[in-house]
Structure formats: C-alpha cells, structure tokens
Amino acid sequence: MAKTQSIVFGAGCFWGIEKYFDGLDGVIKAKSGYAGGNYANPNYDSVLKYRHGSKSVINHTEAVEVMYDDSKISTEALIKHFWELHNPTQGNRQGNDRGNNYRSAL
C-alpha cells in the first residue's frame, strides 16, 4: 500500500532544489523553507541579513521538504538525486551562493 512520506534536503539555494524535486515522478510536492537554526519564524530577509560574521545568530539552512509517494519513488532514489544534485564538499556555499544558509543538509 502506497504511503506519503517526506524528507528534507539542504543543497544550496532552495528555489532551484524545489523546482528540481517537483519535476520527479512520484513527488507529490516540494516546498521551500528553512531547517535547523536558532531563530523562531525565519524569513528570507532575516536569514540573509544575519548569516555572516559575529551576528550570525540565525544559522538556518535553506531547505526543501519533499513529500512523495513511496510506491512510485523510493527514499533511496531521492537521496541519490540529492547527492548528484550538489557538491557537499563546498561547505557553506554552493557555486556562487555563499553563506551558511547554503550548506548541505539531510
């Protein structure tokens, strides 16, 4: 019996990651947001403003929650896409996007 599952990925700028996962067969919905961090109700402006330097108190990761039908796509397949989609060795950046909000997370 098919069951809806969800998994959260941080792999750089969330808009591109959301679009990528939304296009996969078996994905019901991909939704951008933030994961981790220590600030209640983060928003795009506050995360960008406080992500660097001594005031980096927000410390959130741009992330995408992927909701999927596990009878159509497996968790393992989604994780494989995640690893192929970005470079986790770049630390707090992905390409030209720099800051701790762009780090890799699963």
C-alpha atoms as a PDB file:
ATOM      1  CA  MET A   1       0.000   0.000   0.000  1.00  0.00           C
ATOM      2  CA  ALA A   2       1.347   3.412  -1.013  1.00  0.00           C
ATOM      3  CA  LYS A   3       2.132   5.832   1.734  1.00  0.00           C
ATOM      4  CA  THR A   4       3.037   9.507   1.616  1.00  0.00           C
ATOM      5  CA  GLN A   5       6.475  10.134   3.093  1.00  0.00           C
ATOM      6  CA  SER A   6       8.570  13.260   3.492  1.00  0.00           C
ATOM      7  CA  ILE A   7      12.261  14.061   3.628  1.00  0.00           C
ATOM      8  CA  VAL A   8      14.126  17.378   3.950  1.00  0.00           C
ATOM      9  CA  PHE A   9      17.167  18.340   1.877  1.00  0.00           C
ATOM     10  CA  GLY A  10      19.531  21.309   2.091  1.00  0.00           C
ATOM     11  CA  ALA A  11      21.557  21.602  -1.112  1.00  0.00           C
ATOM     12  CA  GLY A  12      22.119  25.284  -1.820  1.00  0.00           C
ATOM     13  CA  CYS A  13      19.535  27.815  -2.968  1.00  0.00           C
ATOM     14  CA  PHE A  14      16.139  26.313  -2.202  1.00  0.00           C
ATOM     15  CA  TRP A  15      14.262  27.611  -5.256  1.00  0.00           C
ATOM     16  CA  GLY A  16      16.284  25.538  -7.722  1.00  0.00           C
ATOM     17  CA  ILE A  17      16.182  22.474  -5.476  1.00  0.00           C
ATOM     18  CA  GLU A  18      12.409  22.808  -5.068  1.00  0.00           C
ATOM     19  CA  LYS A  19      11.906  23.006  -8.846  1.00  0.00           C
ATOM     20  CA  TYR A  20      14.174  20.006  -9.438  1.00  0.00           C
ATOM     21  CA  PHE A  21      12.408  17.708  -6.968  1.00  0.00           C
ATOM     22  CA  ASP A  22       8.947  18.924  -8.054  1.00  0.00           C
ATOM     23  CA  GLY A  23       9.741  17.565 -11.520  1.00  0.00           C
ATOM     24  CA  LEU A  24      10.412  13.985 -10.397  1.00  0.00           C
ATOM     25  CA  ASP A  25       7.796  11.264 -10.905  1.00  0.00           C
ATOM     26  CA  GLY A  26       6.392  10.203  -7.551  1.00  0.00           C
ATOM     27  CA  VAL A  27       6.972  13.554  -5.864  1.00  0.00           C
ATOM     28  CA  ILE A  28       3.675  15.000  -4.654  1.00  0.00           C
ATOM     29  CA  LYS A  29       5.054  18.372  -3.606  1.00  0.00           C
ATOM     30  CA  ALA A  30       8.346  20.076  -2.848  1.00  0.00           C
ATOM     31  CA  LYS A  31       8.200  23.076  -0.509  1.00  0.00           C
ATOM     32  CA  SER A  32      10.969  25.587   0.265  1.00  0.00           C
ATOM     33  CA  GLY A  33      11.689  26.729   3.795  1.00  0.00           C
ATOM     34  CA  TYR A  34      14.364  26.689   6.476  1.00  0.00           C
ATOM     35  CA  ALA A  35      15.811  23.925   8.645  1.00  0.00           C
ATOM     36  CA  GLY A  36      17.925  23.997  11.768  1.00  0.00           C
ATOM     37  CA  GLY A  37      18.890  27.344  13.160  1.00  0.00           C
ATOM     38  CA  ASN A  38      18.094  29.025  16.410  1.00  0.00           C
ATOM     39  CA  TYR A  39      15.683  31.797  15.489  1.00  0.00           C
ATOM     40  CA  ALA A  40      11.905  31.475  15.578  1.00  0.00           C
ATOM     41  CA  ASN A  41       9.995  32.053  12.335  1.00  0.00           C
ATOM     42  CA  PRO A  42      12.914  32.763   9.987  1.00  0.00           C
ATOM     43  CA  ASN A  43      12.231  34.596   6.752  1.00  0.00           C
ATOM     44  CA  TYR A  44      14.328  35.200   3.669  1.00  0.00           C
ATOM     45  CA  ASP A  45      15.386  38.754   4.594  1.00  0.00           C
ATOM     46  CA  SER A  46      16.411  37.963   8.184  1.00  0.00           C
ATOM     47  CA  VAL A  47      18.370  34.856   7.174  1.00  0.00           C
ATOM     48  CA  LEU A  48      20.303  36.790   4.515  1.00  0.00           C
ATOM     49  CA  LYS A  49      20.938  39.753   6.816  1.00  0.00           C
ATOM     50  CA  TYR A  50      22.343  37.747   9.740  1.00  0.00           C
ATOM     51  CA  ARG A  51      24.082  34.797   8.075  1.00  0.00           C
ATOM     52  CA  HIS A  52      27.668  36.162   8.219  1.00  0.00           C
ATOM     53  CA  GLY A  53      30.007  37.464  10.899  1.00  0.00           C
ATOM     54  CA  SER A  54      29.640  37.885  14.629  1.00  0.00           C
ATOM     55  CA  LYS A  55      25.903  38.446  14.313  1.00  0.00           C
ATOM     56  CA  SER A  56      25.211  35.129  12.548  1.00  0.00           C
ATOM     57  CA  VAL A  57      22.635  34.256  15.139  1.00  0.00           C
ATOM     58  CA  ILE A  58      20.078  32.855  12.748  1.00  0.00           C
ATOM     59  CA  ASN A  59      22.124  29.960  11.362  1.00  0.00           C
ATOM     60  CA  HIS A  60      19.311  28.416   9.287  1.00  0.00           C
ATOM     61  CA  THR A  61      19.807  26.263   6.196  1.00  0.00           C
ATOM     62  CA  GLU A  62      17.756  26.828   3.057  1.00  0.00           C
ATOM     63  CA  ALA A  63      15.924  23.535   2.716  1.00  0.00           C
ATOM     64  CA  VAL A  64      13.235  21.769   0.728  1.00  0.00           C
ATOM     65  CA  GLU A  65      10.705  19.365   2.197  1.00  0.00           C
ATOM     66  CA  VAL A  66       9.898  16.713  -0.398  1.00  0.00           C
ATOM     67  CA  MET A  67       6.590  14.864   0.011  1.00  0.00           C
ATOM     68  CA  TYR A  68       6.434  11.726  -2.102  1.00  0.00           C
ATOM     69  CA  ASP A  69       4.519   8.525  -2.832  1.00  0.00           C
ATOM     70  CA  ASP A  70       6.801   5.709  -1.748  1.00  0.00           C
ATOM     71  CA  SER A  71       5.166   3.301  -4.208  1.00  0.00           C
ATOM     72  CA  LYS A  72       6.395   5.485  -7.103  1.00  0.00           C
ATOM     73  CA  ILE A  73       9.795   6.680  -5.879  1.00  0.00           C
ATOM     74  CA  SER A  74      11.946   5.360  -3.059  1.00  0.00           C
ATOM     75  CA  THR A  75      13.706   7.255  -0.313  1.00  0.00           C
ATOM     76  CA  GLU A  76      16.965   5.822  -1.642  1.00  0.00           C
ATOM     77  CA  ALA A  77      16.270   7.236  -5.128  1.00  0.00           C
ATOM     78  CA  LEU A  78      15.565  10.691  -3.679  1.00  0.00           C
ATOM     79  CA  ILE A  79      18.769  10.604  -1.631  1.00  0.00           C
ATOM     80  CA  LYS A  80      20.702   9.591  -4.756  1.00  0.00           C
ATOM     81  CA  HIS A  81      19.276  12.643  -6.570  1.00  0.00           C
ATOM     82  CA  PHE A  82      20.283  14.802  -3.583  1.00  0.00           C
ATOM     83  CA  TRP A  83      23.927  13.657  -3.743  1.00  0.00           C
ATOM     84  CA  GLU A  84      24.081  14.066  -7.532  1.00  0.00           C
ATOM     85  CA  LEU A  85      22.432  17.497  -7.437  1.00  0.00           C
ATOM     86  CA  HIS A  86      25.015  19.419  -5.417  1.00  0.00           C
ATOM     87  CA  ASN A  87      28.586  19.412  -4.127  1.00  0.00           C
ATOM     88  CA  PRO A  88      28.551  18.721  -0.376  1.00  0.00           C
ATOM     89  CA  THR A  89      32.308  19.348  -0.090  1.00  0.00           C
ATOM     90  CA  GLN A  90      31.934  23.113  -0.637  1.00  0.00           C
ATOM     91  CA  GLY A  91      30.965  23.770   2.967  1.00  0.00           C
ATOM     92  CA  ASN A  92      28.869  26.889   3.457  1.00  0.00           C
ATOM     93  CA  ARG A  93      28.208  27.511  -0.220  1.00  0.00           C
ATOM     94  CA  GLN A  94      27.003  26.051  -3.486  1.00  0.00           C
ATOM     95  CA  GLY A  95      28.688  27.552  -6.525  1.00  0.00           C
ATOM     96  CA  ASN A  96      28.426  31.341  -6.309  1.00  0.00           C
ATOM     97  CA  ASP A  97      25.877  31.222  -3.474  1.00  0.00           C
ATOM     98  CA  ARG A  98      27.869  31.792  -0.278  1.00  0.00           C
ATOM     99  CA  GLY A  99      26.813  31.690   3.349  1.00  0.00           C
ATOM    100  CA  ASN A 100      25.932  29.134   5.977  1.00  0.00           C
ATOM    101  CA  ASN A 101      22.339  29.102   4.725  1.00  0.00           C
ATOM    102  CA  TYR A 102      23.533  27.269   1.564  1.00  0.00           C
ATOM    103  CA  ARG A 103      25.234  24.342   3.319  1.00  0.00           C
ATOM    104  CA  SER A 104      24.437  20.711   2.625  1.00  0.00           C
ATOM    105  CA  ALA A 105      21.953  19.001   4.956  1.00  0.00           C
ATOM    106  CA  LEU A 106      19.854  15.868   5.006  1.00  0.00           C
END
